[in-house]
Amino acid sequence: MPSALVRGAGIAAVALLTTLATTLPAHAVNRTGCGSRSDFLKVHLTGGGELCFANAGEMKVAIYGIQYISTGNNVVRIRYRQAINSTPIEVGVGKWSTFAPLPDPDTLVQAHKIEWIKIH
């Protein structure tokens, strides 16, 4: 029969895991079709296409050829790089706003890549 100390340690471990599992952030951002909706986070591409994202959370991405983003009904943070080996830049953008990443001063290309998005 297990001792009270072993049972107590087991209960403490379960309590700790339960606390950690309930406090970790959700990663529920998902890519979705844009349709005619304006409330999604939209990444507008230089070729004329667009990528849409919905739901709160965060996601690593690799999006190239960015013209600008529109936030829709979302508060958003994005991390992007101006050029291949440049330092990442992180910005926050409010609801119903547009943001064009700063151009690389050497090439004037709008942005090399968006690498992370977070929707609040």
C-alpha atoms as a PDB file:
ATOM      1  CA  MET A   1       0.000   0.000   0.000  1.00  0.00           C
ATOM      2  CA  PRO A   2       1.489   3.393  -1.007  1.00  0.00           C
ATOM      3  CA  SER A   3       2.496   5.707   1.768  1.00  0.00           C
ATOM      4  CA  ALA A   4       0.724   9.000   2.409  1.00  0.00           C
ATOM      5  CA  LEU A   5       3.833  10.836   1.163  1.00  0.00           C
ATOM      6  CA  VAL A   6       3.732   9.068  -2.233  1.00  0.00           C
ATOM      7  CA  ARG A   7      -0.031   9.676  -2.564  1.00  0.00           C
ATOM      8  CA  GLY A   8       0.475  13.346  -1.640  1.00  0.00           C
ATOM      9  CA  ALA A   9       3.228  13.745  -4.245  1.00  0.00           C
ATOM     10  CA  GLY A  10       1.000  12.156  -6.881  1.00  0.00           C
ATOM     11  CA  ILE A  11      -1.887  14.474  -6.064  1.00  0.00           C
ATOM     12  CA  ALA A  12       0.436  17.501  -6.176  1.00  0.00           C
ATOM     13  CA  ALA A  13       1.774  16.430  -9.592  1.00  0.00           C
ATOM     14  CA  VAL A  14      -1.757  16.047 -10.990  1.00  0.00           C
ATOM     15  CA  ALA A  15      -2.716  19.462  -9.584  1.00  0.00           C
ATOM     16  CA  LEU A  16       0.366  21.056 -11.165  1.00  0.00           C
ATOM     17  CA  LEU A  17      -0.296  19.474 -14.558  1.00  0.00           C
ATOM     18  CA  THR A  18      -3.937  20.531 -14.424  1.00  0.00           C
ATOM     19  CA  THR A  19      -2.891  24.107 -13.636  1.00  0.00           C
ATOM     20  CA  LEU A  20      -0.355  24.158 -16.482  1.00  0.00           C
ATOM     21  CA  ALA A  21      -2.802  22.656 -18.950  1.00  0.00           C
ATOM     22  CA  THR A  22      -5.429  25.272 -18.179  1.00  0.00           C
ATOM     23  CA  THR A  23      -3.088  28.284 -18.251  1.00  0.00           C
ATOM     24  CA  LEU A  24      -1.247  27.614 -21.508  1.00  0.00           C
ATOM     25  CA  PRO A  25      -2.357  29.888 -24.374  1.00  0.00           C
ATOM     26  CA  ALA A  26      -4.620  28.484 -27.061  1.00  0.00           C
ATOM     27  CA  HIS A  27      -3.217  28.221 -30.557  1.00  0.00           C
ATOM     28  CA  ALA A  28      -6.525  28.398 -32.358  1.00  0.00           C
ATOM     29  CA  VAL A  29      -5.605  30.700 -35.256  1.00  0.00           C
ATOM     30  CA  ASN A  30      -6.512  29.029 -38.502  1.00  0.00           C
ATOM     31  CA  ARG A  31      -6.298  29.875 -42.152  1.00  0.00           C
ATOM     32  CA  THR A  32      -9.676  30.268 -43.800  1.00  0.00           C
ATOM     33  CA  GLY A  33     -11.171  31.236 -47.127  1.00  0.00           C
ATOM     34  CA  CYS A  34     -11.680  34.985 -47.417  1.00  0.00           C
ATOM     35  CA  GLY A  35     -14.935  35.037 -49.369  1.00  0.00           C
ATOM     36  CA  SER A  36     -16.544  38.452 -49.154  1.00  0.00           C
ATOM     37  CA  ARG A  37     -15.902  38.834 -45.409  1.00  0.00           C
ATOM     38  CA  SER A  38     -14.094  41.883 -44.133  1.00  0.00           C
ATOM     39  CA  ASP A  39     -13.744  40.851 -40.471  1.00  0.00           C
ATOM     40  CA  PHE A  40     -10.851  38.390 -40.948  1.00  0.00           C
ATOM     41  CA  LEU A  41      -7.142  39.219 -40.761  1.00  0.00           C
ATOM     42  CA  LYS A  42      -6.167  39.501 -44.435  1.00  0.00           C
ATOM     43  CA  VAL A  43      -2.664  39.446 -45.855  1.00  0.00           C
ATOM     44  CA  HIS A  44      -2.809  41.098 -49.285  1.00  0.00           C
ATOM     45  CA  LEU A  45      -0.139  39.785 -51.653  1.00  0.00           C
ATOM     46  CA  THR A  46       1.709  41.669 -54.370  1.00  0.00           C
ATOM     47  CA  GLY A  47       0.319  39.332 -57.036  1.00  0.00           C
ATOM     48  CA  GLY A  48      -3.232  40.314 -56.136  1.00  0.00           C
ATOM     49  CA  GLY A  49      -4.140  37.341 -53.938  1.00  0.00           C
ATOM     50  CA  GLU A  50      -4.986  37.354 -50.270  1.00  0.00           C
ATOM     51  CA  LEU A  51      -4.657  34.986 -47.323  1.00  0.00           C
ATOM     52  CA  CYS A  52      -7.167  35.100 -44.469  1.00  0.00           C
ATOM     53  CA  PHE A  53      -6.875  34.065 -40.830  1.00  0.00           C
ATOM     54  CA  ALA A  54      -9.491  33.775 -38.097  1.00  0.00           C
ATOM     55  CA  ASN A  55      -9.785  33.092 -34.361  1.00  0.00           C
ATOM     56  CA  ALA A  56      -7.646  34.202 -31.430  1.00  0.00           C
ATOM     57  CA  GLY A  57      -4.223  32.710 -30.865  1.00  0.00           C
ATOM     58  CA  GLU A  58      -0.847  32.706 -32.560  1.00  0.00           C
ATOM     59  CA  MET A  59       0.786  30.881 -35.426  1.00  0.00           C
ATOM     60  CA  LYS A  60       4.191  30.649 -37.073  1.00  0.00           C
ATOM     61  CA  VAL A  61       3.848  31.314 -40.803  1.00  0.00           C
ATOM     62  CA  ALA A  62       6.036  31.907 -43.838  1.00  0.00           C
ATOM     63  CA  ILE A  63       4.223  34.406 -46.058  1.00  0.00           C
ATOM     64  CA  TYR A  64       6.147  36.045 -48.891  1.00  0.00           C
ATOM     65  CA  GLY A  65       5.246  38.815 -51.340  1.00  0.00           C
ATOM     66  CA  ILE A  66       3.341  40.929 -48.847  1.00  0.00           C
ATOM     67  CA  GLN A  67       1.769  44.145 -50.032  1.00  0.00           C
ATOM     68  CA  TYR A  68      -0.130  45.025 -46.847  1.00  0.00           C
ATOM     69  CA  ILE A  69      -2.375  43.548 -44.162  1.00  0.00           C
ATOM     70  CA  SER A  70      -5.886  44.508 -43.097  1.00  0.00           C
ATOM     71  CA  THR A  71      -6.917  43.500 -39.603  1.00  0.00           C
ATOM     72  CA  GLY A  72     -10.697  43.318 -39.902  1.00  0.00           C
ATOM     73  CA  ASN A  73     -12.330  42.955 -36.495  1.00  0.00           C
ATOM     74  CA  ASN A  74      -9.058  41.856 -34.853  1.00  0.00           C
ATOM     75  CA  VAL A  75      -6.223  43.303 -32.814  1.00  0.00           C
ATOM     76  CA  VAL A  76      -3.130  41.759 -34.389  1.00  0.00           C
ATOM     77  CA  ARG A  77       0.610  41.440 -33.813  1.00  0.00           C
ATOM     78  CA  ILE A  78       2.881  40.380 -36.651  1.00  0.00           C
ATOM     79  CA  ARG A  79       6.589  39.661 -36.882  1.00  0.00           C
ATOM     80  CA  TYR A  80       8.219  40.192 -40.244  1.00  0.00           C
ATOM     81  CA  ARG A  81      11.635  40.574 -41.845  1.00  0.00           C
ATOM     82  CA  GLN A  82      12.494  43.273 -44.343  1.00  0.00           C
ATOM     83  CA  ALA A  83      15.186  41.159 -46.005  1.00  0.00           C
ATOM     84  CA  ILE A  84      16.442  37.570 -45.801  1.00  0.00           C
ATOM     85  CA  ASN A  85      18.874  37.987 -42.883  1.00  0.00           C
ATOM     86  CA  SER A  86      17.473  41.158 -41.348  1.00  0.00           C
ATOM     87  CA  THR A  87      16.419  41.511 -37.731  1.00  0.00           C
ATOM     88  CA  PRO A  88      12.743  40.645 -37.199  1.00  0.00           C
ATOM     89  CA  ILE A  89      10.385  43.566 -36.622  1.00  0.00           C
ATOM     90  CA  GLU A  90       7.287  43.072 -34.491  1.00  0.00           C
ATOM     91  CA  VAL A  91       4.325  45.453 -34.695  1.00  0.00           C
ATOM     92  CA  GLY A  92       0.830  45.651 -33.276  1.00  0.00           C
ATOM     93  CA  VAL A  93      -2.105  46.810 -35.379  1.00  0.00           C
ATOM     94  CA  GLY A  94      -5.580  47.677 -34.095  1.00  0.00           C
ATOM     95  CA  LYS A  95      -9.018  46.659 -35.338  1.00  0.00           C
ATOM     96  CA  TRP A  96     -10.236  47.806 -38.768  1.00  0.00           C
ATOM     97  CA  SER A  97      -6.761  49.026 -39.759  1.00  0.00           C
ATOM     98  CA  THR A  98      -4.302  48.457 -42.573  1.00  0.00           C
ATOM     99  CA  PHE A  99      -0.549  48.169 -42.235  1.00  0.00           C
ATOM    100  CA  ALA A 100       2.102  48.075 -44.933  1.00  0.00           C
ATOM    101  CA  PRO A 101       5.395  46.650 -43.624  1.00  0.00           C
ATOM    102  CA  LEU A 102       8.291  49.066 -43.834  1.00  0.00           C
ATOM    103  CA  PRO A 103      10.318  48.642 -47.022  1.00  0.00           C
ATOM    104  CA  ASP A 104      13.873  47.368 -46.937  1.00  0.00           C
ATOM    105  CA  PRO A 105      15.948  50.578 -47.367  1.00  0.00           C
ATOM    106  CA  ASP A 106      18.373  48.825 -49.761  1.00  0.00           C
ATOM    107  CA  THR A 107      15.875  47.202 -52.114  1.00  0.00           C
ATOM    108  CA  LEU A 108      12.636  49.107 -51.320  1.00  0.00           C
ATOM    109  CA  VAL A 109      10.903  45.731 -51.266  1.00  0.00           C
ATOM    110  CA  GLN A 110       7.930  45.993 -48.900  1.00  0.00           C
ATOM    111  CA  ALA A 111       8.840  42.945 -46.795  1.00  0.00           C
ATOM    112  CA  HIS A 112      10.675  39.688 -47.328  1.00  0.00           C
ATOM    113  CA  LYS A 113       8.492  37.528 -45.102  1.00  0.00           C
ATOM    114  CA  ILE A 114       5.883  37.532 -42.347  1.00  0.00           C
ATOM    115  CA  GLU A 115       6.979  34.805 -39.935  1.00  0.00           C
ATOM    116  CA  TRP A 116       4.487  35.015 -37.050  1.00  0.00           C
ATOM    117  CA  ILE A 117       0.981  36.314 -36.458  1.00  0.00           C
ATOM    118  CA  LYS A 118      -1.049  36.695 -33.301  1.00  0.00           C
ATOM    119  CA  ILE A 119      -4.724  37.530 -33.188  1.00  0.00           C
ATOM    120  CA  HIS A 120      -6.061  38.816 -29.849  1.00  0.00           C
END
